[in-house]
Amino acid sequence: MSETYELELRGEPGPVLEAAFPEFELRGAQGMTLLHGEFVDQAALHGVIERINSLGLELVSLHRVDCDNP
């Protein structure tokens, strides 16, 4: 069963982030970018965190979204 997460990155969304994270919905707000999407397992989540690190981006927060209680 997949889980939905929201990851907050420092910086505004743009073509580089859109190309690096095509599987996510990207939203910008007050100098931050929110990546919103589903992960099939923890390994997939860790893979995205590694991708964030390899691009030199700053991960500000990460949390699981409870889809039953929006």
C-alpha atoms as a PDB file:
ATOM      1  CA  MET A   1       0.000   0.000   0.000  1.00  0.00           C
ATOM      2  CA  SER A   2       1.477   3.342  -1.002  1.00  0.00           C
ATOM      3  CA  GLU A   3       1.787   6.304   1.347  1.00  0.00           C
ATOM      4  CA  THR A   4       1.431   9.973   0.420  1.00  0.00           C
ATOM      5  CA  TYR A   5       4.131  12.382   1.575  1.00  0.00           C
ATOM      6  CA  GLU A   6       4.820  16.069   1.324  1.00  0.00           C
ATOM      7  CA  LEU A   7       8.425  17.246   1.197  1.00  0.00           C
ATOM      8  CA  GLU A   8       9.308  20.911   1.631  1.00  0.00           C
ATOM      9  CA  LEU A   9      12.415  22.222  -0.125  1.00  0.00           C
ATOM     10  CA  ARG A  10      14.027  25.641   0.182  1.00  0.00           C
ATOM     11  CA  GLY A  11      13.649  27.598  -3.068  1.00  0.00           C
ATOM     12  CA  GLU A  12      10.974  28.328  -5.623  1.00  0.00           C
ATOM     13  CA  PRO A  13       9.817  25.693  -8.124  1.00  0.00           C
ATOM     14  CA  GLY A  14      11.130  26.019 -11.653  1.00  0.00           C
ATOM     15  CA  PRO A  15      12.197  24.026 -14.699  1.00  0.00           C
ATOM     16  CA  VAL A  16      15.097  22.315 -12.894  1.00  0.00           C
ATOM     17  CA  LEU A  17      12.891  21.010 -10.073  1.00  0.00           C
ATOM     18  CA  GLU A  18      10.129  20.063 -12.498  1.00  0.00           C
ATOM     19  CA  ALA A  19      12.626  18.041 -14.558  1.00  0.00           C
ATOM     20  CA  ALA A  20      14.216  16.446 -11.478  1.00  0.00           C
ATOM     21  CA  PHE A  21      10.887  15.432  -9.881  1.00  0.00           C
ATOM     22  CA  PRO A  22       8.387  14.753 -12.691  1.00  0.00           C
ATOM     23  CA  GLU A  23       6.463  12.245 -10.572  1.00  0.00           C
ATOM     24  CA  PHE A  24       5.437  14.903  -8.026  1.00  0.00           C
ATOM     25  CA  GLU A  25       2.972  17.736  -7.870  1.00  0.00           C
ATOM     26  CA  LEU A  26       5.057  20.859  -7.179  1.00  0.00           C
ATOM     27  CA  ARG A  27       3.664  23.921  -5.420  1.00  0.00           C
ATOM     28  CA  GLY A  28       5.513  27.093  -4.511  1.00  0.00           C
ATOM     29  CA  ALA A  29       4.901  29.268  -1.472  1.00  0.00           C
ATOM     30  CA  GLN A  30       7.017  31.955   0.225  1.00  0.00           C
ATOM     31  CA  GLY A  31      10.392  30.855  -1.124  1.00  0.00           C
ATOM     32  CA  MET A  32       9.672  27.149  -0.674  1.00  0.00           C
ATOM     33  CA  THR A  33       8.647  24.278  -2.917  1.00  0.00           C
ATOM     34  CA  LEU A  34       6.294  21.530  -1.767  1.00  0.00           C
ATOM     35  CA  LEU A  35       6.643  18.146  -3.446  1.00  0.00           C
ATOM     36  CA  HIS A  36       3.466  16.124  -3.017  1.00  0.00           C
ATOM     37  CA  GLY A  37       3.251  12.499  -4.102  1.00  0.00           C
ATOM     38  CA  GLU A  38       2.903   8.808  -3.358  1.00  0.00           C
ATOM     39  CA  PHE A  39       5.654   6.371  -2.419  1.00  0.00           C
ATOM     40  CA  VAL A  40       5.277   2.621  -2.815  1.00  0.00           C
ATOM     41  CA  ASP A  41       7.659   1.913   0.069  1.00  0.00           C
ATOM     42  CA  GLN A  42      10.332   3.393   2.332  1.00  0.00           C
ATOM     43  CA  ALA A  43      13.073   2.583  -0.204  1.00  0.00           C
ATOM     44  CA  ALA A  44      11.352   4.872  -2.741  1.00  0.00           C
ATOM     45  CA  LEU A  45      11.185   7.647  -0.134  1.00  0.00           C
ATOM     46  CA  HIS A  46      14.878   7.264   0.672  1.00  0.00           C
ATOM     47  CA  GLY A  47      15.673   7.346  -3.052  1.00  0.00           C
ATOM     48  CA  VAL A  48      13.974  10.726  -3.418  1.00  0.00           C
ATOM     49  CA  ILE A  49      15.809  12.054  -0.346  1.00  0.00           C
ATOM     50  CA  GLU A  50      19.091  10.921  -1.931  1.00  0.00           C
ATOM     51  CA  ARG A  51      18.099  12.682  -5.183  1.00  0.00           C
ATOM     52  CA  ILE A  52      17.423  15.887  -3.207  1.00  0.00           C
ATOM     53  CA  ASN A  53      20.846  15.637  -1.559  1.00  0.00           C
ATOM     54  CA  SER A  54      22.660  14.892  -4.821  1.00  0.00           C
ATOM     55  CA  LEU A  55      21.146  18.030  -6.381  1.00  0.00           C
ATOM     56  CA  GLY A  56      22.366  20.144  -3.454  1.00  0.00           C
ATOM     57  CA  LEU A  57      18.839  21.056  -2.390  1.00  0.00           C
ATOM     58  CA  GLU A  58      17.830  21.723   1.203  1.00  0.00           C
ATOM     59  CA  LEU A  59      15.095  19.489   2.612  1.00  0.00           C
ATOM     60  CA  VAL A  60      13.271  21.596   5.208  1.00  0.00           C
ATOM     61  CA  SER A  61      10.533  19.176   6.251  1.00  0.00           C
ATOM     62  CA  LEU A  62       8.974  15.855   5.393  1.00  0.00           C
ATOM     63  CA  HIS A  63       5.688  14.437   6.589  1.00  0.00           C
ATOM     64  CA  ARG A  64       3.202  11.744   5.723  1.00  0.00           C
ATOM     65  CA  VAL A  65      -0.175  13.028   4.580  1.00  0.00           C
ATOM     66  CA  ASP A  66      -3.214  11.295   6.044  1.00  0.00           C
ATOM     67  CA  CYS A  67      -5.426  10.975   2.977  1.00  0.00           C
ATOM     68  CA  ASP A  68      -8.384   9.840   5.097  1.00  0.00           C
ATOM     69  CA  ASN A  69      -8.486  13.176   6.936  1.00  0.00           C
ATOM     70  CA  PRO A  70      -7.597  15.982   4.484  1.00  0.00           C
END
